[in-house]
Amino acid sequence: MRLVTYSTGAAPRAGIVIDGKVVDLAAAGYADVISFLQDGDKAIAAAAGLKAAAGDPALGSVKLHAPVPKPDKFICIGLNYRDHAIESGMAIPELPTVFTKYPNAICGHLDDVVLPSVSDQVDYEAEFAFVIGKRCRNVAKEDWQDVVFGYTCVHDVSARDYQLATSQWTIGKTFDTFGPMGPVLVSKDELPDPHNARISLELNGTVLQDSNTSQFVFDIPYLVNYLSTVMTLEPGDVVSTGTPPGVGFARKPPIFMKPGDVAVVKIEGIGELRNKCVSDRRSER
């Protein structure tokens, strides 16, 4: 099952991709992806009965928004690939490094990433994210699949000068448009082994990150258990699991994104998340 939030000129709504077309989930009684996830197995059964019709738009013809436009939580994990921790000059963590992005950062496939005028060190980070499908607390590691609905791509855009100015990373991670997500939310049955998926990032056609989720320091069962011990997780919560090696600030010389650059996050079994970088027009006023 591949869920999307999409629009065709009207307000965004939830859809399911069937035979290359987008079928409106309103036909099953759901106006948005969050309400679909909240209904759990009932929603999945209702969606299973839908079929594409002649009048349904092709996936390539609709505007795709972030599949979960307004999650209750957008949680990010830092230094979760062994090689990335090493290239960053940091120790491999013994516990997850957790920070957040806020809803203002979220945008979708083909949306512009706005480079802020106050930073000249905006970096790229391809990330694999999982999305919670059931309200839960204190989840045992072995029960993680009971509460995870599926997976999507995230681009954890990062202003390194802001991020690394203090020990707290969030300020450099949550500028407007710094959280592209999508293009689809893939249910877990379509990606049976999320711990063996190729993940890469291309900048202007050049591959700068290329790894595999098998390199996680903390896998999904660990993260679900760890996070749910602290907080109640809600349907639609997004957990982005960190980036592999090859980021710009660790390169010699460093590579930072500039207006006109096109970044593409690719994850096996999910798809491609493409975004163009533009200047912050507010700085021109």
C-alpha atoms as a PDB file:
ATOM      1  CA  MET A   1       0.000   0.000   0.000  1.00  0.00           C
ATOM      2  CA  ARG A   2       1.290   3.434  -0.982  1.00  0.00           C
ATOM      3  CA  LEU A   3      -0.390   6.414   0.657  1.00  0.00           C
ATOM      4  CA  VAL A   4      -0.044  10.011  -0.509  1.00  0.00           C
ATOM      5  CA  THR A   5      -1.268  13.446   0.376  1.00  0.00           C
ATOM      6  CA  TYR A   6      -2.009  15.139  -2.923  1.00  0.00           C
ATOM      7  CA  SER A   7      -3.862  17.947  -4.636  1.00  0.00           C
ATOM      8  CA  THR A   8      -5.111  18.693  -8.134  1.00  0.00           C
ATOM      9  CA  GLY A   9      -5.738  22.405  -7.627  1.00  0.00           C
ATOM     10  CA  ALA A  10      -8.064  22.045  -4.638  1.00  0.00           C
ATOM     11  CA  ALA A  11      -7.255  21.436  -0.983  1.00  0.00           C
ATOM     12  CA  PRO A  12      -4.857  18.557  -0.209  1.00  0.00           C
ATOM     13  CA  ARG A  13      -6.433  15.194   0.527  1.00  0.00           C
ATOM     14  CA  ALA A  14      -5.373  11.631   1.159  1.00  0.00           C
ATOM     15  CA  GLY A  15      -4.992   9.076  -1.585  1.00  0.00           C
ATOM     16  CA  ILE A  16      -3.810   5.565  -2.298  1.00  0.00           C
ATOM     17  CA  VAL A  17      -1.784   4.661  -5.365  1.00  0.00           C
ATOM     18  CA  ILE A  18      -3.422   1.866  -7.398  1.00  0.00           C
ATOM     19  CA  ASP A  19      -2.170   0.842 -10.846  1.00  0.00           C
ATOM     20  CA  GLY A  20      -0.287   4.115 -11.244  1.00  0.00           C
ATOM     21  CA  LYS A  21      -3.333   6.235 -10.394  1.00  0.00           C
ATOM     22  CA  VAL A  22      -4.292   8.107  -7.241  1.00  0.00           C
ATOM     23  CA  VAL A  23      -7.590   7.022  -5.714  1.00  0.00           C
ATOM     24  CA  ASP A  24      -9.134   9.490  -3.268  1.00  0.00           C
ATOM     25  CA  LEU A  25      -9.397   7.918   0.199  1.00  0.00           C
ATOM     26  CA  ALA A  26     -12.572   9.931   0.756  1.00  0.00           C
ATOM     27  CA  ALA A  27     -14.224   7.013  -1.037  1.00  0.00           C
ATOM     28  CA  ALA A  28     -13.301   4.921   2.005  1.00  0.00           C
ATOM     29  CA  GLY A  29     -14.277   7.667   4.446  1.00  0.00           C
ATOM     30  CA  TYR A  30     -10.876   9.289   5.109  1.00  0.00           C
ATOM     31  CA  ALA A  31     -10.027  12.934   4.464  1.00  0.00           C
ATOM     32  CA  ASP A  32      -6.377  12.767   5.499  1.00  0.00           C
ATOM     33  CA  VAL A  33      -3.597  10.302   6.186  1.00  0.00           C
ATOM     34  CA  ILE A  34      -3.655  10.819   9.968  1.00  0.00           C
ATOM     35  CA  SER A  35      -7.316   9.811  10.270  1.00  0.00           C
ATOM     36  CA  PHE A  36      -6.589   6.799   8.064  1.00  0.00           C
ATOM     37  CA  LEU A  37      -3.743   5.685  10.323  1.00  0.00           C
ATOM     38  CA  GLN A  38      -5.822   6.242  13.437  1.00  0.00           C
ATOM     39  CA  ASP A  39      -8.411   3.752  12.168  1.00  0.00           C
ATOM     40  CA  GLY A  40      -5.820   0.997  11.864  1.00  0.00           C
ATOM     41  CA  ASP A  41      -6.962  -2.343  10.464  1.00  0.00           C
ATOM     42  CA  LYS A  42     -10.421  -0.986   9.683  1.00  0.00           C
ATOM     43  CA  ALA A  43      -8.922   1.636   7.361  1.00  0.00           C
ATOM     44  CA  ILE A  44      -6.598  -0.862   5.720  1.00  0.00           C
ATOM     45  CA  ALA A  45      -9.521  -3.185   5.006  1.00  0.00           C
ATOM     46  CA  ALA A  46     -11.557  -0.309   3.557  1.00  0.00           C
ATOM     47  CA  ALA A  47      -8.686   0.772   1.302  1.00  0.00           C
ATOM     48  CA  ALA A  48      -8.191  -2.802   0.098  1.00  0.00           C
ATOM     49  CA  GLY A  49     -11.616  -2.653  -1.506  1.00  0.00           C
ATOM     50  CA  LEU A  50     -10.848   0.416  -3.616  1.00  0.00           C
ATOM     51  CA  LYS A  51     -10.125   0.226  -7.344  1.00  0.00           C
ATOM     52  CA  ALA A  52      -8.768   2.752  -9.792  1.00  0.00           C
ATOM     53  CA  ALA A  53     -11.330   4.294 -12.133  1.00  0.00           C
ATOM     54  CA  ALA A  54     -10.930   5.928 -15.525  1.00  0.00           C
ATOM     55  CA  GLY A  55     -11.323   9.386 -14.058  1.00  0.00           C
ATOM     56  CA  ASP A  56      -8.697   9.008 -11.332  1.00  0.00           C
ATOM     57  CA  PRO A  57      -5.560  11.102 -11.946  1.00  0.00           C
ATOM     58  CA  ALA A  58      -2.214   9.539 -12.749  1.00  0.00           C
ATOM     59  CA  LEU A  59       0.334   9.726  -9.957  1.00  0.00           C
ATOM     60  CA  GLY A  60       2.625  11.838 -12.121  1.00  0.00           C
ATOM     61  CA  SER A  61      -0.081  14.429 -12.772  1.00  0.00           C
ATOM     62  CA  VAL A  62      -0.882  15.426  -9.182  1.00  0.00           C
ATOM     63  CA  LYS A  63       0.879  17.717  -6.743  1.00  0.00           C
ATOM     64  CA  LEU A  64       2.393  15.567  -3.992  1.00  0.00           C
ATOM     65  CA  HIS A  65       2.636  17.014  -0.498  1.00  0.00           C
ATOM     66  CA  ALA A  66       4.432  15.423   2.420  1.00  0.00           C
ATOM     67  CA  PRO A  67       2.501  12.171   3.011  1.00  0.00           C
ATOM     68  CA  VAL A  68       2.076  13.166   6.676  1.00  0.00           C
ATOM     69  CA  PRO A  69       1.862  16.978   6.423  1.00  0.00           C
ATOM     70  CA  LYS A  70       1.319  17.685  10.128  1.00  0.00           C
ATOM     71  CA  PRO A  71       2.536  14.846  12.347  1.00  0.00           C
ATOM     72  CA  ASP A  72       2.041  15.163  16.071  1.00  0.00           C
ATOM     73  CA  LYS A  73       5.790  14.552  16.362  1.00  0.00           C
ATOM     74  CA  PHE A  74       8.661  14.761  13.871  1.00  0.00           C
ATOM     75  CA  ILE A  75      11.492  13.012  15.703  1.00  0.00           C
ATOM     76  CA  CYS A  76      15.013  12.743  14.302  1.00  0.00           C
ATOM     77  CA  ILE A  77      17.914  10.507  15.272  1.00  0.00           C
ATOM     78  CA  GLY A  78      21.486  11.732  14.875  1.00  0.00           C
ATOM     79  CA  LEU A  79      24.691   9.787  14.252  1.00  0.00           C
ATOM     80  CA  ASN A  80      22.847   6.553  13.536  1.00  0.00           C
ATOM     81  CA  TYR A  81      25.214   5.224  10.854  1.00  0.00           C
ATOM     82  CA  ARG A  82      28.589   4.065  12.122  1.00  0.00           C
ATOM     83  CA  ASP A  83      30.592   5.598   9.281  1.00  0.00           C
ATOM     84  CA  HIS A  84      28.789   8.924   9.556  1.00  0.00           C
ATOM     85  CA  ALA A  85      29.657   9.242  13.250  1.00  0.00           C
ATOM     86  CA  ILE A  86      33.298   8.598  12.385  1.00  0.00           C
ATOM     87  CA  GLU A  87      33.399  11.112   9.518  1.00  0.00           C
ATOM     88  CA  SER A  88      31.792  13.726  11.807  1.00  0.00           C
ATOM     89  CA  GLY A  89      34.601  13.289  14.316  1.00  0.00           C
ATOM     90  CA  MET A  90      32.174  12.056  16.959  1.00  0.00           C
ATOM     91  CA  ALA A  91      32.096   8.861  18.978  1.00  0.00           C
ATOM     92  CA  ILE A  92      29.650   6.157  17.980  1.00  0.00           C
ATOM     93  CA  PRO A  93      26.818   6.863  20.416  1.00  0.00           C
ATOM     94  CA  GLU A  94      25.869   4.500  23.213  1.00  0.00           C
ATOM     95  CA  LEU A  95      22.356   5.949  23.273  1.00  0.00           C
ATOM     96  CA  PRO A  96      20.355   7.581  20.462  1.00  0.00           C
ATOM     97  CA  THR A  97      20.908  11.272  19.833  1.00  0.00           C
ATOM     98  CA  VAL A  98      17.391  12.688  19.571  1.00  0.00           C
ATOM     99  CA  PHE A  99      16.290  16.064  18.210  1.00  0.00           C
ATOM    100  CA  THR A 100      13.171  17.393  16.505  1.00  0.00           C
ATOM    101  CA  LYS A 101      11.921  19.285  13.516  1.00  0.00           C
ATOM    102  CA  TYR A 102       8.781  21.409  13.726  1.00  0.00           C
ATOM    103  CA  PRO A 103       5.858  21.466  11.250  1.00  0.00           C
ATOM    104  CA  ASN A 104       7.174  24.620   9.532  1.00  0.00           C
ATOM    105  CA  ALA A 105      10.076  22.527   8.211  1.00  0.00           C
ATOM    106  CA  ILE A 106       7.876  20.013   6.416  1.00  0.00           C
ATOM    107  CA  CYS A 107       7.460  20.174   2.648  1.00  0.00           C
ATOM    108  CA  GLY A 108       6.860  17.655  -0.112  1.00  0.00           C
ATOM    109  CA  HIS A 109       8.304  16.129  -3.250  1.00  0.00           C
ATOM    110  CA  LEU A 110       9.287  18.815  -5.806  1.00  0.00           C
ATOM    111  CA  ASP A 111       8.800  21.617  -3.276  1.00  0.00           C
ATOM    112  CA  ASP A 112      11.618  24.158  -3.049  1.00  0.00           C
ATOM    113  CA  VAL A 113      14.079  24.091  -0.159  1.00  0.00           C
ATOM    114  CA  VAL A 114      14.592  27.708   0.852  1.00  0.00           C
ATOM    115  CA  LEU A 115      18.193  28.481   1.765  1.00  0.00           C
ATOM    116  CA  PRO A 116      18.131  31.070   4.578  1.00  0.00           C
ATOM    117  CA  SER A 117      20.090  34.264   4.120  1.00  0.00           C
ATOM    118  CA  VAL A 118      21.583  33.881   7.624  1.00  0.00           C
ATOM    119  CA  SER A 119      23.404  30.636   6.817  1.00  0.00           C
ATOM    120  CA  ASP A 120      25.995  29.717   4.194  1.00  0.00           C
ATOM    121  CA  GLN A 121      26.472  26.160   5.458  1.00  0.00           C
ATOM    122  CA  VAL A 122      23.280  24.356   4.450  1.00  0.00           C
ATOM    123  CA  ASP A 123      24.012  20.638   4.181  1.00  0.00           C
ATOM    124  CA  TYR A 124      22.179  17.624   2.760  1.00  0.00           C
ATOM    125  CA  GLU A 125      21.229  14.441   4.647  1.00  0.00           C
ATOM    126  CA  ALA A 126      19.318  11.533   3.090  1.00  0.00           C
ATOM    127  CA  GLU A 127      17.259   9.689   5.697  1.00  0.00           C
ATOM    128  CA  PHE A 128      14.993   6.648   6.027  1.00  0.00           C
ATOM    129  CA  ALA A 129      11.941   7.362   8.199  1.00  0.00           C
ATOM    130  CA  PHE A 130       9.346   5.130   9.792  1.00  0.00           C
ATOM    131  CA  VAL A 131       5.805   6.249  10.595  1.00  0.00           C
ATOM    132  CA  ILE A 132       3.822   5.120  13.622  1.00  0.00           C
ATOM    133  CA  GLY A 133       0.447   3.519  12.911  1.00  0.00           C
ATOM    134  CA  LYS A 134      -0.921   2.880  16.403  1.00  0.00           C
ATOM    135  CA  ARG A 135      -1.031   4.851  19.650  1.00  0.00           C
ATOM    136  CA  CYS A 136       1.466   3.152  21.928  1.00  0.00           C
ATOM    137  CA  ARG A 137       3.628   3.383  25.019  1.00  0.00           C
ATOM    138  CA  ASN A 138       6.360   1.102  26.424  1.00  0.00           C
ATOM    139  CA  VAL A 139       6.570  -1.084  23.319  1.00  0.00           C
ATOM    140  CA  ALA A 140       8.807  -4.146  23.624  1.00  0.00           C
ATOM    141  CA  LYS A 141      11.439  -4.467  20.907  1.00  0.00           C
ATOM    142  CA  GLU A 142       9.901  -7.658  19.588  1.00  0.00           C
ATOM    143  CA  ASP A 143       6.541  -5.905  19.134  1.00  0.00           C
ATOM    144  CA  TRP A 144       7.754  -3.024  16.983  1.00  0.00           C
ATOM    145  CA  GLN A 145       5.936  -4.199  13.846  1.00  0.00           C
ATOM    146  CA  ASP A 146       2.627  -3.995  15.704  1.00  0.00           C
ATOM    147  CA  VAL A 147       2.922  -0.209  15.931  1.00  0.00           C
ATOM    148  CA  VAL A 148       4.834   0.827  12.786  1.00  0.00           C
ATOM    149  CA  PHE A 149       2.667   1.452   9.713  1.00  0.00           C
ATOM    150  CA  GLY A 150       5.362   2.028   7.135  1.00  0.00           C
ATOM    151  CA  TYR A 151       8.216   4.059   5.698  1.00  0.00           C
ATOM    152  CA  THR A 152       9.044   7.180   3.734  1.00  0.00           C
ATOM    153  CA  CYS A 153      12.010   9.285   2.585  1.00  0.00           C
ATOM    154  CA  VAL A 154      13.147  12.353   4.503  1.00  0.00           C
ATOM    155  CA  HIS A 155      15.747  14.956   3.620  1.00  0.00           C
ATOM    156  CA  ASP A 156      17.163  16.276   6.887  1.00  0.00           C
ATOM    157  CA  VAL A 157      18.391  19.616   5.575  1.00  0.00           C
ATOM    158  CA  SER A 158      20.799  21.115   8.120  1.00  0.00           C
ATOM    159  CA  ALA A 159      22.299  24.579   8.627  1.00  0.00           C
ATOM    160  CA  ARG A 160      25.596  23.447  10.139  1.00  0.00           C
ATOM    161  CA  ASP A 161      26.631  26.866  11.464  1.00  0.00           C
ATOM    162  CA  TYR A 162      23.411  27.032  13.496  1.00  0.00           C
ATOM    163  CA  GLN A 163      23.339  23.333  14.391  1.00  0.00           C
ATOM    164  CA  LEU A 164      26.882  23.189  15.748  1.00  0.00           C
ATOM    165  CA  ALA A 165      26.910  26.567  17.479  1.00  0.00           C
ATOM    166  CA  THR A 166      25.670  24.853  20.660  1.00  0.00           C
ATOM    167  CA  SER A 167      25.233  21.304  21.898  1.00  0.00           C
ATOM    168  CA  GLN A 168      21.519  21.460  20.987  1.00  0.00           C
ATOM    169  CA  TRP A 169      20.952  20.685  17.291  1.00  0.00           C
ATOM    170  CA  THR A 170      17.295  21.565  16.718  1.00  0.00           C
ATOM    171  CA  ILE A 171      17.784  25.239  15.786  1.00  0.00           C
ATOM    172  CA  GLY A 172      19.889  24.296  12.774  1.00  0.00           C
ATOM    173  CA  LYS A 173      17.486  21.592  11.660  1.00  0.00           C
ATOM    174  CA  THR A 174      14.120  23.293  11.590  1.00  0.00           C
ATOM    175  CA  PHE A 175      14.326  26.320   9.304  1.00  0.00           C
ATOM    176  CA  ASP A 176      11.305  26.607   7.011  1.00  0.00           C
ATOM    177  CA  THR A 177      11.329  23.828   4.349  1.00  0.00           C
ATOM    178  CA  PHE A 178      14.209  21.929   6.027  1.00  0.00           C
ATOM    179  CA  GLY A 179      12.176  18.713   6.263  1.00  0.00           C
ATOM    180  CA  PRO A 180      11.192  17.452   2.798  1.00  0.00           C
ATOM    181  CA  MET A 181       9.276  14.185   3.058  1.00  0.00           C
ATOM    182  CA  GLY A 182       7.829  11.709   0.551  1.00  0.00           C
ATOM    183  CA  PRO A 183       6.942  11.126  -2.155  1.00  0.00           C
ATOM    184  CA  VAL A 184       4.827   8.306  -0.669  1.00  0.00           C
ATOM    185  CA  LEU A 185       4.249   6.472   2.593  1.00  0.00           C
ATOM    186  CA  VAL A 186       4.859   2.777   1.921  1.00  0.00           C
ATOM    187  CA  SER A 187       3.191   0.229   4.222  1.00  0.00           C
ATOM    188  CA  LYS A 188       5.535  -2.171   5.970  1.00  0.00           C
ATOM    189  CA  ASP A 189       4.319  -5.202   4.037  1.00  0.00           C
ATOM    190  CA  GLU A 190       5.786  -3.697   0.846  1.00  0.00           C
ATOM    191  CA  LEU A 191       9.246  -3.432   2.399  1.00  0.00           C
ATOM    192  CA  PRO A 192       9.664  -6.639   4.418  1.00  0.00           C
ATOM    193  CA  ASP A 193      13.219  -5.851   5.578  1.00  0.00           C
ATOM    194  CA  PRO A 194      13.680  -2.136   6.353  1.00  0.00           C
ATOM    195  CA  HIS A 195      17.105  -2.970   7.750  1.00  0.00           C
ATOM    196  CA  ASN A 196      18.441  -3.865   4.320  1.00  0.00           C
ATOM    197  CA  ALA A 197      17.494  -1.016   1.992  1.00  0.00           C
ATOM    198  CA  ARG A 198      19.861   1.007  -0.161  1.00  0.00           C
ATOM    199  CA  ILE A 199      19.801   4.730   0.590  1.00  0.00           C
ATOM    200  CA  SER A 200      21.529   7.444  -1.419  1.00  0.00           C
ATOM    201  CA  LEU A 201      21.577  11.146  -2.182  1.00  0.00           C
ATOM    202  CA  GLU A 202      22.429  12.834  -5.450  1.00  0.00           C
ATOM    203  CA  LEU A 203      23.248  16.523  -5.718  1.00  0.00           C
ATOM    204  CA  ASN A 204      23.009  17.827  -9.268  1.00  0.00           C
ATOM    205  CA  GLY A 205      23.324  14.272 -10.546  1.00  0.00           C
ATOM    206  CA  THR A 206      26.418  13.379  -8.510  1.00  0.00           C
ATOM    207  CA  VAL A 207      26.064  10.632  -5.900  1.00  0.00           C
ATOM    208  CA  LEU A 208      27.364  11.986  -2.582  1.00  0.00           C
ATOM    209  CA  GLN A 209      25.794   9.477  -0.184  1.00  0.00           C
ATOM    210  CA  ASP A 210      25.366   5.777  -0.882  1.00  0.00           C
ATOM    211  CA  SER A 211      24.826   3.283   1.915  1.00  0.00           C
ATOM    212  CA  ASN A 212      22.393   0.769   3.349  1.00  0.00           C
ATOM    213  CA  THR A 213      20.103   0.773   6.376  1.00  0.00           C
ATOM    214  CA  SER A 214      21.969  -2.341   7.526  1.00  0.00           C
ATOM    215  CA  GLN A 215      24.507   0.154   8.885  1.00  0.00           C
ATOM    216  CA  PHE A 216      22.142   1.516  11.567  1.00  0.00           C
ATOM    217  CA  VAL A 217      23.681   1.842  15.010  1.00  0.00           C
ATOM    218  CA  PHE A 218      20.181   1.681  16.532  1.00  0.00           C
ATOM    219  CA  ASP A 219      17.631  -0.314  14.543  1.00  0.00           C
ATOM    220  CA  ILE A 220      13.891   0.305  14.375  1.00  0.00           C
ATOM    221  CA  PRO A 221      12.950  -2.119  17.199  1.00  0.00           C
ATOM    222  CA  TYR A 222      15.438  -0.366  19.484  1.00  0.00           C
ATOM    223  CA  LEU A 223      14.183   3.111  18.547  1.00  0.00           C
ATOM    224  CA  VAL A 224      10.507   2.203  18.973  1.00  0.00           C
ATOM    225  CA  ASN A 225      11.236   0.770  22.416  1.00  0.00           C
ATOM    226  CA  TYR A 226      13.502   3.645  23.455  1.00  0.00           C
ATOM    227  CA  LEU A 227      11.190   6.439  22.329  1.00  0.00           C
ATOM    228  CA  SER A 228       7.983   4.822  23.575  1.00  0.00           C
ATOM    229  CA  THR A 229       9.537   4.420  27.017  1.00  0.00           C
ATOM    230  CA  VAL A 230       9.742   8.210  27.198  1.00  0.00           C
ATOM    231  CA  MET A 231       6.646   9.370  25.338  1.00  0.00           C
ATOM    232  CA  THR A 232       3.349   8.122  23.978  1.00  0.00           C
ATOM    233  CA  LEU A 233       3.691   7.674  20.231  1.00  0.00           C
ATOM    234  CA  GLU A 234       0.708   8.618  18.094  1.00  0.00           C
ATOM    235  CA  PRO A 235      -0.477   7.515  14.630  1.00  0.00           C
ATOM    236  CA  GLY A 236       1.351   9.637  12.072  1.00  0.00           C
ATOM    237  CA  ASP A 237       4.396  10.344  14.216  1.00  0.00           C
ATOM    238  CA  VAL A 238       7.466  10.387  11.965  1.00  0.00           C
ATOM    239  CA  VAL A 239      10.845   9.090  13.146  1.00  0.00           C
ATOM    240  CA  SER A 240      13.736   9.865  10.822  1.00  0.00           C
ATOM    241  CA  THR A 241      16.549   7.421  11.476  1.00  0.00           C
ATOM    242  CA  GLY A 242      19.712   9.373  10.694  1.00  0.00           C
ATOM    243  CA  THR A 243      21.944   9.850   7.677  1.00  0.00           C
ATOM    244  CA  PRO A 244      24.740   7.761   6.141  1.00  0.00           C
ATOM    245  CA  PRO A 245      28.281   9.023   5.449  1.00  0.00           C
ATOM    246  CA  GLY A 246      29.107  11.490   2.713  1.00  0.00           C
ATOM    247  CA  VAL A 247      27.564  14.662   4.106  1.00  0.00           C
ATOM    248  CA  GLY A 248      28.886  17.976   2.867  1.00  0.00           C
ATOM    249  CA  PHE A 249      30.488  19.474   5.949  1.00  0.00           C
ATOM    250  CA  ALA A 250      32.708  16.403   6.448  1.00  0.00           C
ATOM    251  CA  ARG A 251      34.158  16.639   2.939  1.00  0.00           C
ATOM    252  CA  LYS A 252      37.448  18.312   2.065  1.00  0.00           C
ATOM    253  CA  PRO A 253      36.679  20.878   0.850  1.00  0.00           C
ATOM    254  CA  PRO A 254      33.153  21.038   2.290  1.00  0.00           C
ATOM    255  CA  ILE A 255      30.146  20.959  -0.041  1.00  0.00           C
ATOM    256  CA  PHE A 256      27.161  23.072   0.937  1.00  0.00           C
ATOM    257  CA  MET A 257      23.979  23.530  -1.060  1.00  0.00           C
ATOM    258  CA  LYS A 258      23.416  26.678  -3.088  1.00  0.00           C
ATOM    259  CA  PRO A 259      20.518  28.166  -5.061  1.00  0.00           C
ATOM    260  CA  GLY A 260      19.756  26.103  -8.138  1.00  0.00           C
ATOM    261  CA  ASP A 261      21.042  22.832  -6.682  1.00  0.00           C
ATOM    262  CA  VAL A 262      18.763  19.805  -7.004  1.00  0.00           C
ATOM    263  CA  ALA A 263      18.932  17.154  -4.276  1.00  0.00           C
ATOM    264  CA  VAL A 264      17.432  13.686  -4.759  1.00  0.00           C
ATOM    265  CA  VAL A 265      17.012  11.220  -1.903  1.00  0.00           C
ATOM    266  CA  LYS A 266      16.589   7.651  -3.147  1.00  0.00           C
ATOM    267  CA  ILE A 267      15.564   4.719  -0.967  1.00  0.00           C
ATOM    268  CA  GLU A 268      15.094   1.211  -2.290  1.00  0.00           C
ATOM    269  CA  GLY A 269      11.473   0.141  -2.123  1.00  0.00           C
ATOM    270  CA  ILE A 270      10.149   3.647  -1.445  1.00  0.00           C
ATOM    271  CA  GLY A 271      11.150   5.945  -4.297  1.00  0.00           C
ATOM    272  CA  GLU A 272      12.780   9.291  -4.990  1.00  0.00           C
ATOM    273  CA  LEU A 273      12.322  12.565  -3.115  1.00  0.00           C
ATOM    274  CA  ARG A 274      13.457  15.489  -5.288  1.00  0.00           C
ATOM    275  CA  ASN A 275      13.822  19.123  -4.209  1.00  0.00           C
ATOM    276  CA  LYS A 276      15.400  22.226  -5.691  1.00  0.00           C
ATOM    277  CA  CYS A 277      17.222  24.790  -3.564  1.00  0.00           C
ATOM    278  CA  VAL A 278      16.263  28.456  -3.900  1.00  0.00           C
ATOM    279  CA  SER A 279      17.381  31.637  -2.184  1.00  0.00           C
ATOM    280  CA  ASP A 280      15.383  33.208   0.607  1.00  0.00           C
ATOM    281  CA  ARG A 281      13.566  35.966  -1.274  1.00  0.00           C
ATOM    282  CA  ARG A 282      12.878  37.784   1.970  1.00  0.00           C
ATOM    283  CA  SER A 283      16.555  38.747   2.034  1.00  0.00           C
ATOM    284  CA  GLU A 284      16.077  40.586  -1.269  1.00  0.00           C
ATOM    285  CA  ARG A 285      13.408  42.966   0.106  1.00  0.00           C
END
